[in-house]
Amino acid sequence: MADLSGVFKIVNLTVAGFSSTSIAFLEFRIPPLTHQYASFLFSFLGRGIFYLLIGSLIAHGNAIRIIFGVLVGIVGIAFTALEFIPSISPPENFRTEGHVLADDDEEDII
């Protein structure tokens, strides 16, 4: 039987890179369907729980993975705490007032 651990590592790195790039992209530009399918990323509580999930998935194995998992979990706890502090208002990229979120936004075909 062939050792496929290298393939699994490459796939895991690709998925991790894609998800972290996607979340970083949300800080600058919001794709139209993102709010419809991933609306949890537009609140402190949703992002906090998401980061806690990612941190718990990372934190197993060797020491460096545990350290990074704990750091991501701490960021998740911080985001979750921000939801319950009334003096903190959500940043501009959490607001959807200026974004078109309708699904019927297709261009007219003439």
N, C-alpha and C. Protein backbone atom coordinates (compact mmCIF):
# COMPACT_ATOMS: atom_id res chain seq x y z
N MET A 1 0.85 -1.17 0.00
CA MET A 1 0.00 0.00 0.00
C MET A 1 0.90 1.24 0.00
N ALA A 2 0.55 2.21 -0.80
CA ALA A 2 1.35 3.43 -0.94
C ALA A 2 1.12 4.37 0.24
N ASP A 3 2.15 5.09 0.61
CA ASP A 3 2.05 6.08 1.68
C ASP A 3 1.51 7.38 1.08
N LEU A 4 0.32 7.77 1.47
CA LEU A 4 -0.34 8.95 0.92
C LEU A 4 -0.32 10.14 1.87
N SER A 5 0.50 10.09 2.91
CA SER A 5 0.51 11.18 3.89
C SER A 5 0.97 12.49 3.26
N GLY A 6 1.88 12.44 2.30
CA GLY A 6 2.33 13.66 1.62
C GLY A 6 1.20 14.30 0.83
N VAL A 7 0.38 13.49 0.20
CA VAL A 7 -0.76 14.00 -0.57
C VAL A 7 -1.77 14.67 0.37
N PHE A 8 -2.03 14.05 1.51
CA PHE A 8 -2.97 14.63 2.46
C PHE A 8 -2.45 15.95 3.02
N LYS A 9 -1.15 16.05 3.24
CA LYS A 9 -0.57 17.30 3.72
C LYS A 9 -0.74 18.41 2.69
N ILE A 10 -0.52 18.08 1.42
CA ILE A 10 -0.68 19.08 0.36
C ILE A 10 -2.13 19.53 0.25
N VAL A 11 -3.07 18.59 0.34
CA VAL A 11 -4.49 18.94 0.28
C VAL A 11 -4.87 19.80 1.48
N ASN A 12 -4.40 19.45 2.66
CA ASN A 12 -4.71 20.25 3.86
C ASN A 12 -4.14 21.66 3.75
N LEU A 13 -2.91 21.78 3.25
CA LEU A 13 -2.32 23.11 3.08
C LEU A 13 -3.09 23.93 2.05
N THR A 14 -3.56 23.28 0.99
CA THR A 14 -4.33 23.98 -0.04
C THR A 14 -5.65 24.49 0.53
N VAL A 15 -6.34 23.65 1.27
CA VAL A 15 -7.63 24.06 1.86
C VAL A 15 -7.41 25.17 2.88
N ALA A 16 -6.39 25.05 3.71
CA ALA A 16 -6.10 26.09 4.71
C ALA A 16 -5.75 27.41 4.03
N GLY A 17 -4.95 27.33 2.97
CA GLY A 17 -4.59 28.55 2.24
C GLY A 17 -5.80 29.20 1.59
N PHE A 18 -6.69 28.39 1.03
CA PHE A 18 -7.89 28.92 0.39
C PHE A 18 -8.80 29.59 1.41
N SER A 19 -9.02 28.93 2.55
CA SER A 19 -9.93 29.51 3.54
C SER A 19 -9.36 30.78 4.16
N SER A 20 -8.06 30.80 4.45
CA SER A 20 -7.49 32.01 5.04
C SER A 20 -7.44 33.15 4.03
N THR A 21 -7.18 32.83 2.76
CA THR A 21 -7.19 33.85 1.72
C THR A 21 -8.60 34.41 1.53
N SER A 22 -9.60 33.53 1.60
CA SER A 22 -10.99 33.97 1.45
C SER A 22 -11.40 34.92 2.57
N ILE A 23 -11.03 34.61 3.79
CA ILE A 23 -11.40 35.47 4.91
C ILE A 23 -10.64 36.79 4.84
N ALA A 24 -9.38 36.76 4.43
CA ALA A 24 -8.62 38.00 4.27
C ALA A 24 -9.23 38.85 3.15
N PHE A 25 -9.72 38.21 2.10
CA PHE A 25 -10.36 38.91 0.99
C PHE A 25 -11.63 39.64 1.45
N LEU A 26 -12.33 39.07 2.44
CA LEU A 26 -13.56 39.70 2.95
C LEU A 26 -13.29 41.03 3.63
N GLU A 27 -12.07 41.27 4.05
CA GLU A 27 -11.74 42.53 4.70
C GLU A 27 -11.72 43.69 3.71
N PHE A 28 -11.54 43.41 2.43
CA PHE A 28 -11.40 44.46 1.44
C PHE A 28 -12.56 44.53 0.45
N ARG A 29 -13.08 43.39 0.04
CA ARG A 29 -14.17 43.38 -0.93
C ARG A 29 -15.09 42.20 -0.63
N ILE A 30 -16.38 42.44 -0.70
CA ILE A 30 -17.35 41.42 -0.36
C ILE A 30 -18.03 40.93 -1.64
N PRO A 31 -17.83 39.67 -2.00
CA PRO A 31 -18.53 39.13 -3.17
C PRO A 31 -20.04 39.12 -2.93
N PRO A 32 -20.86 39.26 -3.98
CA PRO A 32 -22.30 39.42 -3.81
C PRO A 32 -23.00 38.27 -3.08
N LEU A 33 -22.63 37.03 -3.31
CA LEU A 33 -23.35 35.91 -2.69
C LEU A 33 -22.79 35.50 -1.34
N THR A 34 -21.74 36.16 -0.90
CA THR A 34 -21.12 35.79 0.37
C THR A 34 -22.08 35.98 1.53
N HIS A 35 -22.80 37.07 1.55
CA HIS A 35 -23.72 37.31 2.66
C HIS A 35 -24.86 36.30 2.66
N GLN A 36 -25.25 35.83 1.48
CA GLN A 36 -26.34 34.87 1.41
C GLN A 36 -25.91 33.50 1.93
N TYR A 37 -24.70 33.05 1.58
CA TYR A 37 -24.27 31.71 1.93
C TYR A 37 -23.36 31.64 3.15
N ALA A 38 -22.73 32.73 3.54
CA ALA A 38 -21.83 32.72 4.70
C ALA A 38 -22.09 33.96 5.56
N SER A 39 -23.35 34.18 5.90
CA SER A 39 -23.71 35.38 6.65
C SER A 39 -23.11 35.40 8.05
N PHE A 40 -22.70 34.24 8.55
CA PHE A 40 -22.09 34.20 9.89
C PHE A 40 -20.76 34.96 9.93
N LEU A 41 -20.13 35.18 8.79
CA LEU A 41 -18.86 35.91 8.76
C LEU A 41 -19.05 37.41 8.91
N PHE A 42 -20.29 37.89 8.94
CA PHE A 42 -20.56 39.32 9.02
C PHE A 42 -21.04 39.74 10.40
N SER A 43 -20.73 38.96 11.41
CA SER A 43 -20.99 39.35 12.79
C SER A 43 -19.81 38.89 13.65
N PHE A 44 -19.61 39.57 14.75
CA PHE A 44 -18.52 39.19 15.64
C PHE A 44 -18.74 37.78 16.19
N LEU A 45 -19.98 37.47 16.55
CA LEU A 45 -20.28 36.16 17.12
C LEU A 45 -20.05 35.05 16.10
N GLY A 46 -20.49 35.26 14.87
CA GLY A 46 -20.30 34.26 13.83
C GLY A 46 -18.84 34.00 13.52
N ARG A 47 -18.07 35.08 13.38
CA ARG A 47 -16.64 34.91 13.12
C ARG A 47 -15.94 34.28 14.32
N GLY A 48 -16.36 34.67 15.52
CA GLY A 48 -15.73 34.09 16.71
C GLY A 48 -15.95 32.59 16.80
N ILE A 49 -17.16 32.15 16.56
CA ILE A 49 -17.44 30.71 16.60
C ILE A 49 -16.71 30.00 15.47
N PHE A 50 -16.64 30.63 14.30
CA PHE A 50 -15.90 30.05 13.17
C PHE A 50 -14.43 29.89 13.52
N TYR A 51 -13.82 30.92 14.11
CA TYR A 51 -12.41 30.83 14.49
C TYR A 51 -12.20 29.80 15.60
N LEU A 52 -13.15 29.69 16.52
CA LEU A 52 -13.03 28.65 17.55
C LEU A 52 -13.08 27.26 16.93
N LEU A 53 -13.93 27.08 15.94
CA LEU A 53 -14.00 25.79 15.25
C LEU A 53 -12.69 25.49 14.53
N ILE A 54 -12.18 26.46 13.79
CA ILE A 54 -10.92 26.27 13.07
C ILE A 54 -9.78 26.01 14.06
N GLY A 55 -9.74 26.76 15.15
CA GLY A 55 -8.69 26.55 16.16
C GLY A 55 -8.75 25.17 16.78
N SER A 56 -9.96 24.67 17.04
CA SER A 56 -10.07 23.33 17.62
C SER A 56 -9.70 22.25 16.61
N LEU A 57 -9.93 22.51 15.33
CA LEU A 57 -9.53 21.54 14.31
C LEU A 57 -8.02 21.52 14.12
N ILE A 58 -7.37 22.67 14.31
CA ILE A 58 -5.93 22.75 14.14
C ILE A 58 -5.19 22.15 15.34
N ALA A 59 -5.73 22.33 16.54
CA ALA A 59 -4.99 22.05 17.78
C ALA A 59 -4.96 20.57 18.13
N HIS A 60 -4.25 19.79 17.37
CA HIS A 60 -3.95 18.41 17.74
C HIS A 60 -2.66 18.01 17.03
N GLY A 61 -1.99 17.06 17.58
CA GLY A 61 -0.74 16.63 16.95
C GLY A 61 0.47 17.18 17.68
N ASN A 62 1.35 17.80 16.91
CA ASN A 62 2.60 18.28 17.50
C ASN A 62 2.42 19.65 18.17
N ALA A 63 3.48 20.12 18.79
CA ALA A 63 3.41 21.34 19.61
C ALA A 63 3.09 22.58 18.80
N ILE A 64 3.64 22.72 17.61
CA ILE A 64 3.41 23.93 16.81
C ILE A 64 1.94 24.02 16.38
N ARG A 65 1.33 22.89 16.08
CA ARG A 65 -0.09 22.90 15.72
C ARG A 65 -0.95 23.28 16.93
N ILE A 66 -0.58 22.81 18.09
CA ILE A 66 -1.32 23.17 19.30
C ILE A 66 -1.18 24.66 19.58
N ILE A 67 0.01 25.20 19.41
CA ILE A 67 0.24 26.63 19.65
C ILE A 67 -0.61 27.47 18.69
N PHE A 68 -0.56 27.12 17.39
CA PHE A 68 -1.35 27.88 16.42
C PHE A 68 -2.85 27.69 16.63
N GLY A 69 -3.28 26.50 17.01
CA GLY A 69 -4.68 26.26 17.30
C GLY A 69 -5.17 27.08 18.48
N VAL A 70 -4.34 27.17 19.51
CA VAL A 70 -4.70 27.98 20.68
C VAL A 70 -4.75 29.46 20.31
N LEU A 71 -3.81 29.93 19.49
CA LEU A 71 -3.82 31.34 19.06
C LEU A 71 -5.07 31.66 18.24
N VAL A 72 -5.45 30.78 17.33
CA VAL A 72 -6.68 31.00 16.54
C VAL A 72 -7.89 30.94 17.47
N GLY A 73 -7.88 30.05 18.45
CA GLY A 73 -8.97 29.98 19.42
C GLY A 73 -9.08 31.24 20.26
N ILE A 74 -7.96 31.84 20.63
CA ILE A 74 -7.97 33.09 21.39
C ILE A 74 -8.57 34.21 20.55
N VAL A 75 -8.23 34.25 19.26
CA VAL A 75 -8.83 35.24 18.36
C VAL A 75 -10.35 35.01 18.30
N GLY A 76 -10.76 33.74 18.26
CA GLY A 76 -12.19 33.43 18.26
C GLY A 76 -12.89 33.89 19.52
N ILE A 77 -12.25 33.70 20.66
CA ILE A 77 -12.84 34.17 21.93
C ILE A 77 -12.92 35.69 21.93
N ALA A 78 -11.90 36.36 21.39
CA ALA A 78 -11.92 37.83 21.33
C ALA A 78 -13.05 38.33 20.44
N PHE A 79 -13.24 37.71 19.27
CA PHE A 79 -14.34 38.11 18.40
C PHE A 79 -15.69 37.86 19.08
N THR A 80 -15.83 36.73 19.76
CA THR A 80 -17.08 36.43 20.45
C THR A 80 -17.35 37.44 21.56
N ALA A 81 -16.32 37.85 22.29
CA ALA A 81 -16.48 38.85 23.35
C ALA A 81 -16.88 40.20 22.78
N LEU A 82 -16.36 40.55 21.60
CA LEU A 82 -16.70 41.84 20.99
C LEU A 82 -18.20 41.95 20.67
N GLU A 83 -18.85 40.82 20.44
CA GLU A 83 -20.28 40.83 20.15
C GLU A 83 -21.08 41.36 21.34
N PHE A 84 -20.59 41.14 22.56
CA PHE A 84 -21.34 41.48 23.75
C PHE A 84 -20.91 42.78 24.40
N ILE A 85 -20.04 43.53 23.75
CA ILE A 85 -19.63 44.84 24.25
C ILE A 85 -20.40 45.89 23.45
N PRO A 86 -21.36 46.59 24.08
CA PRO A 86 -22.23 47.51 23.34
C PRO A 86 -21.51 48.72 22.76
N SER A 87 -20.39 49.12 23.31
CA SER A 87 -19.71 50.31 22.81
C SER A 87 -18.92 50.03 21.52
N ILE A 88 -18.76 48.78 21.16
CA ILE A 88 -18.04 48.41 19.93
C ILE A 88 -19.07 48.25 18.82
N SER A 89 -18.92 49.05 17.78
CA SER A 89 -19.83 48.91 16.63
C SER A 89 -19.13 48.07 15.56
N PRO A 90 -19.91 47.34 14.77
CA PRO A 90 -19.31 46.51 13.73
C PRO A 90 -18.59 47.37 12.69
N PRO A 91 -17.49 46.87 12.15
CA PRO A 91 -16.77 47.63 11.12
C PRO A 91 -17.55 47.72 9.82
N GLU A 92 -17.06 48.54 8.91
CA GLU A 92 -17.75 48.77 7.64
C GLU A 92 -17.95 47.49 6.84
N ASN A 93 -16.99 46.59 6.86
CA ASN A 93 -17.14 45.38 6.05
C ASN A 93 -18.14 44.38 6.63
N PHE A 94 -18.65 44.62 7.84
CA PHE A 94 -19.70 43.79 8.39
C PHE A 94 -21.08 44.29 7.98
N ARG A 95 -21.16 45.52 7.54
CA ARG A 95 -22.45 46.12 7.20
C ARG A 95 -22.79 45.81 5.75
N THR A 96 -24.08 45.65 5.50
CA THR A 96 -24.51 45.28 4.15
C THR A 96 -25.38 46.33 3.50
N GLU A 97 -25.45 47.53 4.07
CA GLU A 97 -26.34 48.55 3.52
C GLU A 97 -25.99 48.92 2.08
N GLY A 98 -24.72 49.01 1.76
CA GLY A 98 -24.31 49.45 0.44
C GLY A 98 -24.16 48.34 -0.57
N HIS A 99 -24.45 47.12 -0.18
CA HIS A 99 -24.21 45.99 -1.06
C HIS A 99 -25.52 45.43 -1.58
N VAL A 100 -25.52 45.05 -2.82
CA VAL A 100 -26.69 44.42 -3.42
C VAL A 100 -26.62 42.94 -3.11
N LEU A 101 -27.63 42.45 -2.43
CA LEU A 101 -27.62 41.06 -2.02
C LEU A 101 -28.72 40.23 -2.66
N ALA A 102 -29.43 40.82 -3.60
CA ALA A 102 -30.54 40.10 -4.22
C ALA A 102 -30.03 39.05 -5.18
N ASP A 103 -30.77 37.95 -5.24
CA ASP A 103 -30.40 36.87 -6.14
C ASP A 103 -30.87 37.14 -7.57
N ASP A 104 -31.82 38.07 -7.72
CA ASP A 104 -32.37 38.38 -9.04
C ASP A 104 -31.59 39.51 -9.71
N ASP A 105 -30.30 39.53 -9.50
CA ASP A 105 -29.45 40.62 -9.96
C ASP A 105 -28.78 40.32 -11.29
N GLU A 106 -29.34 39.41 -12.05
CA GLU A 106 -28.75 39.03 -13.33
C GLU A 106 -28.91 40.15 -14.34
N GLU A 107 -27.97 40.20 -15.22
CA GLU A 107 -28.03 41.23 -16.27
C GLU A 107 -29.13 40.90 -17.26
N ASP A 108 -29.69 41.94 -17.81
CA ASP A 108 -30.73 41.75 -18.81
C ASP A 108 -30.10 41.27 -20.13
N ILE A 109 -30.74 40.31 -20.72
CA ILE A 109 -30.28 39.81 -22.02
C ILE A 109 -31.17 40.43 -23.09
N ILE A 110 -30.55 41.16 -24.01
CA ILE A 110 -31.32 41.84 -25.04
C ILE A 110 -31.15 41.13 -26.36
